[in-house]
Amino acid sequence: MIMVHWENRPEESWKEFRFGQPYAEGLSRLKVEVLGATDFDPATLWQWGTMQASAVIGVLKACERAFGEEGQRVVREALIEVGRDVGRQLLQDMKIPEGVSEAELVSFMVTAINRVVYASLEEPAIDSDREVSFHITWCPHQDYYTAFDCRVQRYLVQGIIEAMQEKGYMGDWQVRFDCTIPAGAPTCHFILWKATAEEKAEWERYTELLERKALQLSERG
């Protein structure tokens, strides 16, 4: 049996970790009725997905130009809600291996997000009992999104994390990045750590900074 990319991690407990598959009914149809029974080229899903991603950033920019801060808010809240929905689906029927540490669980959840929801390749690391990290070595958006366009993913991730926090996971954890492929780095590198109250506010502050910059750019045309 061929092991697909999202099934493969070296930790023994990963073999027992289970999470829900977002949009499970359509996924099953794709695997059985399309990939298993036709000559459909799955690579075209990347082209279709790139069109959808380009449409999302296009809608956001158009709303910022036409409606300013209010247009930005409407799109932001819609994207966060989509993220929440995906996060809740990931948590459906989740099985946590016995004895897994909090850091290991956070890393496993992030792998599910990276490899399944974002269809990306990653190299994860559990750095300590208070910090985990990962390199994204390939992302479907890397060739067409600019570094600034990645703010769309920020809203989706916020929704996913909020869904996890609803269930008591990742409440004290914060995330930051220090390099991205669209900005010219060889990988996107992210760190998650158990944060202080002040550190947890960093996410919101950086989001607000990006939003102000986006509105300034939209005013310049």
N, C-alpha and C. Protein backbone atom coordinates (compact mmCIF):
# COMPACT_ATOMS: atom_id res chain seq x y z
N MET A 1 0.85 -1.20 0.00
CA MET A 1 0.00 0.00 0.00
C MET A 1 0.88 1.25 0.00
N ILE A 2 0.57 2.21 -0.87
CA ILE A 2 1.32 3.45 -0.95
C ILE A 2 0.89 4.38 0.19
N MET A 3 1.86 4.95 0.91
CA MET A 3 1.55 5.89 1.99
C MET A 3 1.53 7.30 1.41
N VAL A 4 0.43 8.00 1.58
CA VAL A 4 0.32 9.36 1.07
C VAL A 4 1.02 10.31 2.03
N HIS A 5 1.30 11.52 1.56
CA HIS A 5 2.19 12.42 2.29
C HIS A 5 1.68 12.77 3.69
N TRP A 6 0.38 12.88 3.87
CA TRP A 6 -0.11 13.32 5.18
C TRP A 6 -0.14 12.20 6.22
N GLU A 7 0.12 10.96 5.79
CA GLU A 7 0.13 9.85 6.74
C GLU A 7 1.50 9.60 7.38
N ASN A 8 2.53 10.27 6.88
CA ASN A 8 3.89 9.88 7.22
C ASN A 8 4.57 10.86 8.18
N ARG A 9 4.68 10.46 9.44
CA ARG A 9 5.52 11.15 10.43
C ARG A 9 6.26 10.09 11.24
N PRO A 10 7.45 10.41 11.75
CA PRO A 10 8.25 9.37 12.42
C PRO A 10 7.78 8.99 13.82
N GLU A 11 7.02 9.87 14.49
CA GLU A 11 6.61 9.58 15.86
C GLU A 11 5.67 8.36 15.90
N GLU A 12 5.90 7.48 16.84
CA GLU A 12 5.08 6.27 16.96
C GLU A 12 3.61 6.63 17.23
N SER A 13 3.39 7.67 18.03
CA SER A 13 2.01 8.05 18.38
C SER A 13 1.25 8.63 17.20
N TRP A 14 1.97 9.09 16.18
CA TRP A 14 1.28 9.63 14.99
C TRP A 14 0.42 8.55 14.34
N LYS A 15 0.85 7.31 14.43
CA LYS A 15 0.12 6.21 13.80
C LYS A 15 -1.26 6.04 14.41
N GLU A 16 -1.42 6.50 15.66
CA GLU A 16 -2.71 6.37 16.36
C GLU A 16 -3.53 7.65 16.33
N PHE A 17 -2.93 8.74 15.88
CA PHE A 17 -3.63 10.02 15.85
C PHE A 17 -4.62 10.03 14.70
N ARG A 18 -5.83 10.46 14.97
CA ARG A 18 -6.87 10.52 13.94
C ARG A 18 -7.53 11.90 13.96
N PHE A 19 -7.91 12.35 12.79
CA PHE A 19 -8.63 13.63 12.67
C PHE A 19 -9.65 13.51 11.56
N GLY A 20 -10.63 14.41 11.57
CA GLY A 20 -11.66 14.39 10.55
C GLY A 20 -11.15 14.94 9.23
N GLN A 21 -11.67 14.42 8.14
CA GLN A 21 -11.31 14.91 6.82
C GLN A 21 -12.33 15.97 6.39
N PRO A 22 -11.89 17.22 6.18
CA PRO A 22 -12.83 18.25 5.74
C PRO A 22 -13.49 17.87 4.42
N TYR A 23 -14.78 18.20 4.32
CA TYR A 23 -15.55 17.95 3.10
C TYR A 23 -15.49 16.47 2.72
N ALA A 24 -15.73 15.61 3.71
CA ALA A 24 -15.50 14.17 3.57
C ALA A 24 -16.33 13.53 2.45
N GLU A 25 -17.58 13.95 2.29
CA GLU A 25 -18.43 13.30 1.29
C GLU A 25 -17.89 13.54 -0.13
N GLY A 26 -17.54 14.80 -0.41
CA GLY A 26 -16.99 15.10 -1.74
C GLY A 26 -15.64 14.44 -1.95
N LEU A 27 -14.84 14.35 -0.88
CA LEU A 27 -13.53 13.70 -0.97
C LEU A 27 -13.69 12.23 -1.34
N SER A 28 -14.65 11.56 -0.72
CA SER A 28 -14.89 10.15 -1.02
C SER A 28 -15.31 9.97 -2.47
N ARG A 29 -16.17 10.84 -2.96
CA ARG A 29 -16.61 10.75 -4.35
C ARG A 29 -15.42 10.94 -5.30
N LEU A 30 -14.56 11.92 -4.98
CA LEU A 30 -13.38 12.17 -5.81
C LEU A 30 -12.50 10.92 -5.88
N LYS A 31 -12.23 10.32 -4.72
CA LYS A 31 -11.32 9.18 -4.69
C LYS A 31 -11.89 7.95 -5.39
N VAL A 32 -13.18 7.68 -5.13
CA VAL A 32 -13.78 6.44 -5.63
C VAL A 32 -14.30 6.58 -7.05
N GLU A 33 -15.13 7.61 -7.27
CA GLU A 33 -15.83 7.71 -8.54
C GLU A 33 -15.03 8.43 -9.62
N VAL A 34 -14.06 9.25 -9.20
CA VAL A 34 -13.31 10.03 -10.19
C VAL A 34 -11.89 9.47 -10.36
N LEU A 35 -11.07 9.59 -9.30
CA LEU A 35 -9.69 9.12 -9.40
C LEU A 35 -9.62 7.61 -9.59
N GLY A 36 -10.55 6.89 -8.98
CA GLY A 36 -10.51 5.44 -9.06
C GLY A 36 -11.16 4.85 -10.29
N ALA A 37 -11.88 5.68 -11.05
CA ALA A 37 -12.66 5.11 -12.15
C ALA A 37 -12.57 5.85 -13.47
N THR A 38 -11.80 6.94 -13.53
CA THR A 38 -11.70 7.71 -14.76
C THR A 38 -10.24 8.07 -15.03
N ASP A 39 -10.02 8.78 -16.14
CA ASP A 39 -8.66 9.23 -16.47
C ASP A 39 -8.41 10.67 -16.03
N PHE A 40 -9.19 11.14 -15.06
CA PHE A 40 -9.05 12.52 -14.57
C PHE A 40 -7.63 12.78 -14.05
N ASP A 41 -7.04 13.89 -14.48
CA ASP A 41 -5.69 14.26 -14.04
C ASP A 41 -5.81 15.09 -12.76
N PRO A 42 -5.38 14.57 -11.59
CA PRO A 42 -5.54 15.32 -10.34
C PRO A 42 -4.75 16.61 -10.31
N ALA A 43 -3.74 16.75 -11.17
CA ALA A 43 -2.96 17.99 -11.19
C ALA A 43 -3.82 19.19 -11.59
N THR A 44 -4.90 18.95 -12.33
CA THR A 44 -5.77 20.07 -12.70
C THR A 44 -6.47 20.67 -11.48
N LEU A 45 -6.54 19.92 -10.37
CA LEU A 45 -7.10 20.49 -9.15
C LEU A 45 -6.24 21.64 -8.65
N TRP A 46 -4.92 21.57 -8.89
CA TRP A 46 -4.05 22.68 -8.52
C TRP A 46 -4.39 23.91 -9.36
N GLN A 47 -4.62 23.72 -10.65
CA GLN A 47 -4.98 24.86 -11.50
C GLN A 47 -6.32 25.45 -11.07
N TRP A 48 -7.29 24.60 -10.80
CA TRP A 48 -8.59 25.06 -10.34
C TRP A 48 -8.46 25.78 -8.99
N GLY A 49 -7.68 25.19 -8.06
CA GLY A 49 -7.48 25.80 -6.76
C GLY A 49 -6.78 27.14 -6.84
N THR A 50 -5.82 27.26 -7.76
CA THR A 50 -5.12 28.54 -7.94
C THR A 50 -6.09 29.61 -8.44
N MET A 51 -7.00 29.21 -9.32
CA MET A 51 -8.03 30.15 -9.76
C MET A 51 -8.90 30.60 -8.59
N GLN A 52 -9.31 29.66 -7.74
CA GLN A 52 -10.14 30.01 -6.58
C GLN A 52 -9.39 30.93 -5.62
N ALA A 53 -8.11 30.61 -5.37
CA ALA A 53 -7.30 31.45 -4.48
C ALA A 53 -7.12 32.84 -5.05
N SER A 54 -6.89 32.93 -6.36
CA SER A 54 -6.75 34.24 -7.01
C SER A 54 -8.05 35.02 -6.92
N ALA A 55 -9.18 34.31 -7.01
CA ALA A 55 -10.48 34.98 -6.90
C ALA A 55 -10.67 35.56 -5.50
N VAL A 56 -10.26 34.81 -4.48
CA VAL A 56 -10.44 35.28 -3.10
C VAL A 56 -9.63 36.56 -2.86
N ILE A 57 -8.37 36.57 -3.24
CA ILE A 57 -7.57 37.77 -3.02
C ILE A 57 -8.09 38.91 -3.89
N GLY A 58 -8.61 38.58 -5.08
CA GLY A 58 -9.19 39.61 -5.93
C GLY A 58 -10.43 40.24 -5.31
N VAL A 59 -11.29 39.41 -4.72
CA VAL A 59 -12.48 39.93 -4.05
C VAL A 59 -12.09 40.81 -2.86
N LEU A 60 -11.12 40.36 -2.07
CA LEU A 60 -10.68 41.16 -0.92
C LEU A 60 -10.17 42.52 -1.37
N LYS A 61 -9.32 42.55 -2.38
CA LYS A 61 -8.75 43.81 -2.84
C LYS A 61 -9.83 44.71 -3.44
N ALA A 62 -10.77 44.12 -4.17
CA ALA A 62 -11.85 44.91 -4.77
C ALA A 62 -12.73 45.54 -3.69
N CYS A 63 -13.02 44.77 -2.64
CA CYS A 63 -13.85 45.29 -1.54
C CYS A 63 -13.11 46.38 -0.77
N GLU A 64 -11.80 46.24 -0.62
CA GLU A 64 -11.02 47.28 0.05
C GLU A 64 -11.03 48.57 -0.77
N ARG A 65 -10.92 48.45 -2.10
CA ARG A 65 -10.94 49.64 -2.96
C ARG A 65 -12.31 50.32 -2.94
N ALA A 66 -13.36 49.50 -3.01
CA ALA A 66 -14.71 50.06 -3.15
C ALA A 66 -15.31 50.51 -1.82
N PHE A 67 -15.03 49.78 -0.74
CA PHE A 67 -15.74 50.02 0.52
C PHE A 67 -14.81 50.28 1.70
N GLY A 68 -13.50 50.29 1.46
CA GLY A 68 -12.55 50.62 2.51
C GLY A 68 -12.57 49.64 3.66
N GLU A 69 -12.53 50.16 4.87
CA GLU A 69 -12.42 49.33 6.06
C GLU A 69 -13.62 48.38 6.23
N GLU A 70 -14.81 48.85 5.85
CA GLU A 70 -16.00 48.01 5.99
C GLU A 70 -15.94 46.83 5.03
N GLY A 71 -15.52 47.05 3.80
CA GLY A 71 -15.37 45.96 2.85
C GLY A 71 -14.34 44.95 3.31
N GLN A 72 -13.25 45.45 3.87
CA GLN A 72 -12.21 44.57 4.41
C GLN A 72 -12.76 43.72 5.55
N ARG A 73 -13.54 44.33 6.43
CA ARG A 73 -14.12 43.61 7.57
C ARG A 73 -15.05 42.49 7.11
N VAL A 74 -15.90 42.77 6.13
CA VAL A 74 -16.87 41.79 5.65
C VAL A 74 -16.16 40.56 5.10
N VAL A 75 -15.13 40.78 4.27
CA VAL A 75 -14.40 39.64 3.68
C VAL A 75 -13.62 38.91 4.76
N ARG A 76 -12.98 39.66 5.66
CA ARG A 76 -12.23 39.03 6.75
C ARG A 76 -13.12 38.10 7.56
N GLU A 77 -14.29 38.57 7.97
CA GLU A 77 -15.16 37.76 8.80
C GLU A 77 -15.68 36.54 8.05
N ALA A 78 -15.92 36.68 6.75
CA ALA A 78 -16.36 35.53 5.95
C ALA A 78 -15.27 34.47 5.89
N LEU A 79 -14.02 34.90 5.71
CA LEU A 79 -12.92 33.95 5.64
C LEU A 79 -12.67 33.28 6.98
N ILE A 80 -12.76 34.03 8.05
CA ILE A 80 -12.57 33.44 9.39
C ILE A 80 -13.64 32.38 9.65
N GLU A 81 -14.86 32.65 9.23
CA GLU A 81 -15.94 31.68 9.44
C GLU A 81 -15.71 30.41 8.63
N VAL A 82 -15.20 30.54 7.42
CA VAL A 82 -14.83 29.34 6.64
C VAL A 82 -13.77 28.54 7.39
N GLY A 83 -12.77 29.25 7.95
CA GLY A 83 -11.74 28.58 8.73
C GLY A 83 -12.32 27.85 9.93
N ARG A 84 -13.26 28.48 10.63
CA ARG A 84 -13.89 27.82 11.78
C ARG A 84 -14.58 26.52 11.36
N ASP A 85 -15.28 26.58 10.24
CA ASP A 85 -15.98 25.40 9.74
C ASP A 85 -15.00 24.27 9.44
N VAL A 86 -13.90 24.59 8.78
CA VAL A 86 -12.90 23.57 8.47
C VAL A 86 -12.28 23.02 9.74
N GLY A 87 -11.99 23.90 10.71
CA GLY A 87 -11.42 23.45 11.98
C GLY A 87 -12.35 22.49 12.70
N ARG A 88 -13.65 22.79 12.69
CA ARG A 88 -14.61 21.90 13.36
C ARG A 88 -14.67 20.55 12.67
N GLN A 89 -14.54 20.55 11.34
CA GLN A 89 -14.54 19.27 10.62
C GLN A 89 -13.28 18.46 10.94
N LEU A 90 -12.15 19.12 11.08
CA LEU A 90 -10.92 18.42 11.46
C LEU A 90 -11.06 17.74 12.82
N LEU A 91 -11.80 18.39 13.72
CA LEU A 91 -11.93 17.87 15.08
C LEU A 91 -12.96 16.75 15.20
N GLN A 92 -13.75 16.54 14.15
CA GLN A 92 -14.76 15.49 14.21
C GLN A 92 -14.07 14.13 14.32
N ASP A 93 -14.51 13.35 15.28
CA ASP A 93 -13.98 11.99 15.48
C ASP A 93 -12.48 11.98 15.70
N MET A 94 -11.93 13.07 16.22
CA MET A 94 -10.50 13.09 16.47
C MET A 94 -10.14 12.09 17.57
N LYS A 95 -9.06 11.36 17.36
CA LYS A 95 -8.58 10.40 18.33
C LYS A 95 -7.18 10.81 18.75
N ILE A 96 -7.00 11.06 20.06
CA ILE A 96 -5.70 11.48 20.60
C ILE A 96 -5.02 10.28 21.23
N PRO A 97 -3.84 9.94 20.80
CA PRO A 97 -3.14 8.79 21.38
C PRO A 97 -2.91 8.95 22.88
N GLU A 98 -2.96 7.88 23.60
CA GLU A 98 -2.74 7.91 25.04
C GLU A 98 -1.30 8.30 25.34
N GLY A 99 -1.13 9.23 26.29
CA GLY A 99 0.20 9.62 26.71
C GLY A 99 0.87 10.66 25.84
N VAL A 100 0.19 11.16 24.79
CA VAL A 100 0.80 12.16 23.93
C VAL A 100 0.96 13.48 24.70
N SER A 101 2.08 14.17 24.51
CA SER A 101 2.30 15.44 25.20
C SER A 101 1.53 16.57 24.51
N GLU A 102 1.39 17.67 25.23
CA GLU A 102 0.67 18.82 24.66
C GLU A 102 1.39 19.33 23.42
N ALA A 103 2.72 19.43 23.48
CA ALA A 103 3.48 19.92 22.32
C ALA A 103 3.33 18.99 21.14
N GLU A 104 3.36 17.70 21.41
CA GLU A 104 3.21 16.71 20.33
C GLU A 104 1.83 16.82 19.71
N LEU A 105 0.80 16.99 20.53
CA LEU A 105 -0.56 17.12 20.02
C LEU A 105 -0.70 18.36 19.15
N VAL A 106 -0.15 19.49 19.60
CA VAL A 106 -0.20 20.72 18.80
C VAL A 106 0.49 20.49 17.46
N SER A 107 1.65 19.85 17.48
CA SER A 107 2.37 19.58 16.25
C SER A 107 1.56 18.67 15.32
N PHE A 108 0.90 17.67 15.88
CA PHE A 108 0.08 16.77 15.06
C PHE A 108 -1.09 17.51 14.42
N MET A 109 -1.75 18.36 15.21
CA MET A 109 -2.86 19.14 14.67
C MET A 109 -2.39 20.05 13.53
N VAL A 110 -1.23 20.66 13.72
CA VAL A 110 -0.70 21.56 12.69
C VAL A 110 -0.35 20.78 11.43
N THR A 111 0.14 19.56 11.58
CA THR A 111 0.42 18.73 10.41
C THR A 111 -0.86 18.46 9.63
N ALA A 112 -1.96 18.18 10.33
CA ALA A 112 -3.23 17.97 9.65
C ALA A 112 -3.64 19.21 8.87
N ILE A 113 -3.44 20.38 9.46
CA ILE A 113 -3.76 21.63 8.77
C ILE A 113 -2.87 21.82 7.56
N ASN A 114 -1.56 21.67 7.76
CA ASN A 114 -0.61 21.92 6.67
C ASN A 114 -0.77 20.96 5.51
N ARG A 115 -0.82 19.67 5.83
CA ARG A 115 -0.74 18.67 4.77
C ARG A 115 -2.08 18.37 4.12
N VAL A 116 -3.18 18.52 4.88
CA VAL A 116 -4.50 18.21 4.32
C VAL A 116 -5.22 19.48 3.89
N VAL A 117 -5.47 20.38 4.84
CA VAL A 117 -6.23 21.59 4.51
C VAL A 117 -5.48 22.45 3.49
N TYR A 118 -4.18 22.60 3.68
CA TYR A 118 -3.39 23.44 2.79
C TYR A 118 -2.66 22.66 1.70
N ALA A 119 -2.86 21.35 1.65
CA ALA A 119 -2.28 20.53 0.58
C ALA A 119 -0.79 20.82 0.38
N SER A 120 -0.07 21.00 1.48
CA SER A 120 1.33 21.40 1.42
C SER A 120 2.24 20.27 1.91
N LEU A 121 3.51 20.41 1.61
CA LEU A 121 4.53 19.52 2.14
C LEU A 121 5.25 20.24 3.26
N GLU A 122 5.51 19.54 4.36
CA GLU A 122 6.11 20.19 5.52
C GLU A 122 7.16 19.30 6.16
N GLU A 123 8.03 19.95 6.92
CA GLU A 123 8.99 19.25 7.77
C GLU A 123 8.76 19.74 9.20
N PRO A 124 8.03 18.97 10.02
CA PRO A 124 7.69 19.41 11.37
C PRO A 124 8.78 19.06 12.37
N ALA A 125 8.81 19.79 13.48
CA ALA A 125 9.75 19.52 14.56
C ALA A 125 9.09 19.83 15.90
N ILE A 126 9.33 18.97 16.89
CA ILE A 126 8.91 19.23 18.27
C ILE A 126 10.16 19.67 19.00
N ASP A 127 10.30 20.96 19.19
CA ASP A 127 11.55 21.54 19.68
C ASP A 127 11.70 21.44 21.20
N SER A 128 10.58 21.49 21.92
CA SER A 128 10.60 21.35 23.38
C SER A 128 9.17 21.11 23.82
N ASP A 129 8.96 21.05 25.13
CA ASP A 129 7.60 20.86 25.62
C ASP A 129 6.79 22.15 25.55
N ARG A 130 7.42 23.25 25.12
CA ARG A 130 6.73 24.54 25.00
C ARG A 130 6.83 25.14 23.60
N GLU A 131 7.44 24.43 22.67
CA GLU A 131 7.62 25.00 21.33
C GLU A 131 7.68 23.91 20.27
N VAL A 132 6.97 24.15 19.16
CA VAL A 132 7.06 23.30 17.97
C VAL A 132 7.24 24.21 16.77
N SER A 133 7.68 23.63 15.68
CA SER A 133 7.91 24.44 14.49
C SER A 133 7.72 23.59 13.24
N PHE A 134 7.73 24.23 12.10
CA PHE A 134 7.68 23.48 10.85
C PHE A 134 8.19 24.35 9.70
N HIS A 135 8.75 23.68 8.71
CA HIS A 135 9.07 24.29 7.43
C HIS A 135 8.04 23.81 6.40
N ILE A 136 7.45 24.74 5.67
CA ILE A 136 6.67 24.39 4.50
C ILE A 136 7.64 24.33 3.33
N THR A 137 7.80 23.16 2.75
CA THR A 137 8.75 23.01 1.65
C THR A 137 8.10 23.18 0.28
N TRP A 138 6.79 23.04 0.22
CA TRP A 138 6.04 23.36 -0.99
C TRP A 138 4.62 23.72 -0.60
N CYS A 139 4.13 24.83 -1.15
CA CYS A 139 2.76 25.30 -0.91
C CYS A 139 2.10 25.56 -2.25
N PRO A 140 0.85 25.17 -2.44
CA PRO A 140 0.19 25.40 -3.73
C PRO A 140 0.13 26.86 -4.15
N HIS A 141 0.23 27.78 -3.18
CA HIS A 141 0.13 29.21 -3.50
C HIS A 141 1.46 29.86 -3.85
N GLN A 142 2.57 29.16 -3.66
CA GLN A 142 3.87 29.83 -3.64
C GLN A 142 4.26 30.49 -4.97
N ASP A 143 3.74 30.01 -6.07
CA ASP A 143 4.16 30.55 -7.37
C ASP A 143 3.29 31.70 -7.86
N TYR A 144 2.13 31.91 -7.23
CA TYR A 144 1.23 32.95 -7.72
C TYR A 144 0.79 33.96 -6.66
N TYR A 145 0.82 33.59 -5.40
CA TYR A 145 0.55 34.58 -4.35
C TYR A 145 1.81 35.39 -4.08
N THR A 146 1.64 36.68 -3.86
CA THR A 146 2.74 37.48 -3.33
C THR A 146 2.80 37.28 -1.82
N ALA A 147 3.89 37.73 -1.22
CA ALA A 147 4.00 37.61 0.24
C ALA A 147 2.84 38.32 0.93
N PHE A 148 2.41 39.46 0.38
CA PHE A 148 1.33 40.21 1.01
C PHE A 148 -0.02 39.51 0.82
N ASP A 149 -0.18 38.78 -0.29
CA ASP A 149 -1.43 38.06 -0.52
C ASP A 149 -1.66 36.97 0.52
N CYS A 150 -0.61 36.49 1.16
CA CYS A 150 -0.74 35.42 2.15
C CYS A 150 -1.56 35.84 3.36
N ARG A 151 -1.89 37.13 3.47
CA ARG A 151 -2.74 37.56 4.58
C ARG A 151 -4.12 36.90 4.51
N VAL A 152 -4.55 36.49 3.31
CA VAL A 152 -5.81 35.75 3.19
C VAL A 152 -5.74 34.47 4.01
N GLN A 153 -4.61 33.78 3.93
CA GLN A 153 -4.46 32.54 4.69
C GLN A 153 -4.47 32.81 6.20
N ARG A 154 -4.03 33.99 6.57
CA ARG A 154 -4.02 34.37 7.98
C ARG A 154 -5.44 34.34 8.57
N TYR A 155 -6.40 34.82 7.80
CA TYR A 155 -7.78 34.82 8.27
C TYR A 155 -8.32 33.39 8.38
N LEU A 156 -8.03 32.56 7.39
CA LEU A 156 -8.48 31.17 7.44
C LEU A 156 -7.88 30.44 8.63
N VAL A 157 -6.58 30.61 8.84
CA VAL A 157 -5.90 29.97 9.97
C VAL A 157 -6.48 30.46 11.29
N GLN A 158 -6.80 31.74 11.38
CA GLN A 158 -7.40 32.27 12.60
C GLN A 158 -8.69 31.52 12.92
N GLY A 159 -9.51 31.31 11.90
CA GLY A 159 -10.76 30.58 12.11
C GLY A 159 -10.53 29.15 12.55
N ILE A 160 -9.55 28.47 11.93
CA ILE A 160 -9.24 27.08 12.30
C ILE A 160 -8.80 27.01 13.76
N ILE A 161 -7.91 27.92 14.16
CA ILE A 161 -7.42 27.92 15.53
C ILE A 161 -8.55 28.24 16.51
N GLU A 162 -9.43 29.17 16.15
CA GLU A 162 -10.56 29.48 17.03
C GLU A 162 -11.44 28.25 17.24
N ALA A 163 -11.64 27.46 16.17
CA ALA A 163 -12.44 26.24 16.31
C ALA A 163 -11.78 25.26 17.27
N MET A 164 -10.46 25.19 17.22
CA MET A 164 -9.73 24.30 18.13
C MET A 164 -9.80 24.81 19.56
N GLN A 165 -9.73 26.12 19.72
CA GLN A 165 -9.82 26.69 21.06
C GLN A 165 -11.21 26.49 21.66
N GLU A 166 -12.24 26.45 20.82
CA GLU A 166 -13.59 26.16 21.30
C GLU A 166 -13.65 24.82 22.04
N LYS A 167 -12.81 23.89 21.60
CA LYS A 167 -12.78 22.55 22.18
C LYS A 167 -11.67 22.39 23.22
N GLY A 168 -11.02 23.49 23.57
CA GLY A 168 -10.02 23.44 24.63
C GLY A 168 -8.61 23.14 24.19
N TYR A 169 -8.35 23.20 22.89
CA TYR A 169 -7.01 22.94 22.38
C TYR A 169 -6.31 24.24 21.99
N MET A 170 -5.00 24.30 22.13
CA MET A 170 -4.15 25.39 21.65
C MET A 170 -4.47 26.74 22.29
N GLY A 171 -5.13 26.73 23.44
CA GLY A 171 -5.54 27.98 24.05
C GLY A 171 -4.39 28.89 24.44
N ASP A 172 -3.28 28.32 24.88
CA ASP A 172 -2.14 29.12 25.32
C ASP A 172 -1.04 29.23 24.27
N TRP A 173 -1.32 28.78 23.06
CA TRP A 173 -0.29 28.74 22.04
C TRP A 173 -0.44 29.89 21.05
N GLN A 174 0.69 30.39 20.60
CA GLN A 174 0.73 31.48 19.62
C GLN A 174 1.59 31.01 18.44
N VAL A 175 1.42 31.66 17.31
CA VAL A 175 2.16 31.28 16.10
C VAL A 175 2.76 32.52 15.46
N ARG A 176 3.95 32.36 14.90
CA ARG A 176 4.57 33.43 14.12
C ARG A 176 5.39 32.79 13.01
N PHE A 177 5.70 33.58 11.99
CA PHE A 177 6.58 33.11 10.92
C PHE A 177 7.80 34.01 10.88
N ASP A 178 8.91 33.46 10.40
CA ASP A 178 10.10 34.30 10.24
C ASP A 178 10.62 34.34 8.81
N CYS A 179 10.03 33.54 7.90
CA CYS A 179 10.36 33.65 6.48
C CYS A 179 9.29 32.94 5.67
N THR A 180 9.13 33.36 4.40
CA THR A 180 8.15 32.72 3.53
C THR A 180 8.73 32.57 2.12
N ILE A 181 8.22 31.58 1.40
CA ILE A 181 8.66 31.34 0.03
C ILE A 181 8.29 32.52 -0.88
N PRO A 182 7.05 33.04 -0.81
CA PRO A 182 6.74 34.18 -1.70
C PRO A 182 7.62 35.40 -1.47
N ALA A 183 8.22 35.52 -0.27
CA ALA A 183 9.12 36.64 0.01
C ALA A 183 10.57 36.33 -0.39
N GLY A 184 10.79 35.14 -0.94
CA GLY A 184 12.12 34.81 -1.45
C GLY A 184 12.91 33.78 -0.67
N ALA A 185 12.35 33.28 0.44
CA ALA A 185 13.05 32.28 1.24
C ALA A 185 12.87 30.89 0.61
N PRO A 186 13.76 29.94 0.92
CA PRO A 186 13.62 28.60 0.37
C PRO A 186 12.44 27.82 0.94
N THR A 187 12.00 28.18 2.16
CA THR A 187 10.83 27.56 2.79
C THR A 187 10.05 28.63 3.54
N CYS A 188 8.84 28.27 3.93
CA CYS A 188 8.10 29.08 4.90
C CYS A 188 8.36 28.44 6.27
N HIS A 189 8.83 29.23 7.23
CA HIS A 189 9.15 28.68 8.55
C HIS A 189 8.27 29.31 9.61
N PHE A 190 7.59 28.46 10.35
CA PHE A 190 6.66 28.90 11.40
C PHE A 190 7.05 28.29 12.74
N ILE A 191 6.79 29.05 13.79
CA ILE A 191 7.04 28.60 15.15
C ILE A 191 5.76 28.76 15.96
N LEU A 192 5.41 27.75 16.75
CA LEU A 192 4.30 27.83 17.70
C LEU A 192 4.87 27.61 19.09
N TRP A 193 4.43 28.42 20.03
CA TRP A 193 4.96 28.30 21.39
C TRP A 193 3.90 28.66 22.42
N LYS A 194 4.09 28.17 23.64
CA LYS A 194 3.20 28.53 24.74
C LYS A 194 3.51 29.97 25.11
N ALA A 195 2.54 30.83 24.93
CA ALA A 195 2.79 32.27 24.99
C ALA A 195 2.22 32.90 26.24
N THR A 196 2.82 34.03 26.61
CA THR A 196 2.26 34.88 27.66
C THR A 196 1.07 35.64 27.09
N ALA A 197 0.31 36.29 27.96
CA ALA A 197 -0.84 37.08 27.50
C ALA A 197 -0.40 38.17 26.53
N GLU A 198 0.74 38.80 26.82
CA GLU A 198 1.25 39.85 25.95
C GLU A 198 1.65 39.28 24.59
N GLU A 199 2.28 38.12 24.61
CA GLU A 199 2.70 37.51 23.34
C GLU A 199 1.51 37.07 22.50
N LYS A 200 0.43 36.63 23.18
CA LYS A 200 -0.75 36.18 22.44
C LYS A 200 -1.40 37.32 21.67
N ALA A 201 -1.17 38.55 22.10
CA ALA A 201 -1.73 39.72 21.41
C ALA A 201 -0.97 40.06 20.14
N GLU A 202 0.20 39.44 19.93
CA GLU A 202 1.00 39.76 18.75
C GLU A 202 0.27 39.45 17.46
N TRP A 203 -0.49 38.36 17.44
CA TRP A 203 -1.22 37.97 16.22
C TRP A 203 -2.16 39.08 15.79
N GLU A 204 -2.96 39.59 16.73
CA GLU A 204 -3.92 40.64 16.40
C GLU A 204 -3.22 41.92 15.96
N ARG A 205 -2.13 42.26 16.65
CA ARG A 205 -1.40 43.49 16.28
C ARG A 205 -0.84 43.41 14.86
N TYR A 206 -0.29 42.26 14.52
CA TYR A 206 0.28 42.13 13.18
C TYR A 206 -0.83 42.11 12.12
N THR A 207 -1.95 41.49 12.44
CA THR A 207 -3.08 41.49 11.51
C THR A 207 -3.55 42.92 11.26
N GLU A 208 -3.66 43.72 12.32
CA GLU A 208 -4.10 45.12 12.17
C GLU A 208 -3.10 45.91 11.33
N LEU A 209 -1.81 45.64 11.51
CA LEU A 209 -0.78 46.31 10.71
C LEU A 209 -0.95 45.98 9.23
N LEU A 210 -1.18 44.71 8.92
CA LEU A 210 -1.38 44.31 7.53
C LEU A 210 -2.63 44.96 6.94
N GLU A 211 -3.67 45.04 7.74
CA GLU A 211 -4.92 45.61 7.25
C GLU A 211 -4.78 47.10 6.96
N ARG A 212 -4.07 47.82 7.82
CA ARG A 212 -3.84 49.24 7.56
C ARG A 212 -3.02 49.44 6.29
N LYS A 213 -2.02 48.62 6.11
CA LYS A 213 -1.19 48.71 4.91
C LYS A 213 -2.01 48.42 3.66
N ALA A 214 -2.89 47.43 3.74
CA ALA A 214 -3.73 47.08 2.59
C ALA A 214 -4.66 48.23 2.22
N LEU A 215 -5.24 48.89 3.21
CA LEU A 215 -6.13 50.02 2.93
C LEU A 215 -5.35 51.18 2.33
N GLN A 216 -4.14 51.41 2.80
CA GLN A 216 -3.31 52.47 2.21
C GLN A 216 -2.98 52.17 0.75
N LEU A 217 -2.69 50.91 0.45
CA LEU A 217 -2.40 50.53 -0.93
C LEU A 217 -3.63 50.67 -1.81
N SER A 218 -4.80 50.32 -1.26
CA SER A 218 -6.03 50.42 -2.06
C SER A 218 -6.38 51.86 -2.38
N GLU A 219 -6.04 52.79 -1.47
CA GLU A 219 -6.31 54.21 -1.72
C GLU A 219 -5.42 54.79 -2.83
N ARG A 220 -4.23 54.18 -3.00
CA ARG A 220 -3.34 54.63 -4.06
C ARG A 220 -3.71 54.07 -5.43
N GLY A 221 -4.66 53.13 -5.40
CA GLY A 221 -5.09 52.55 -6.67
C GLY A 221 -4.19 51.44 -7.12
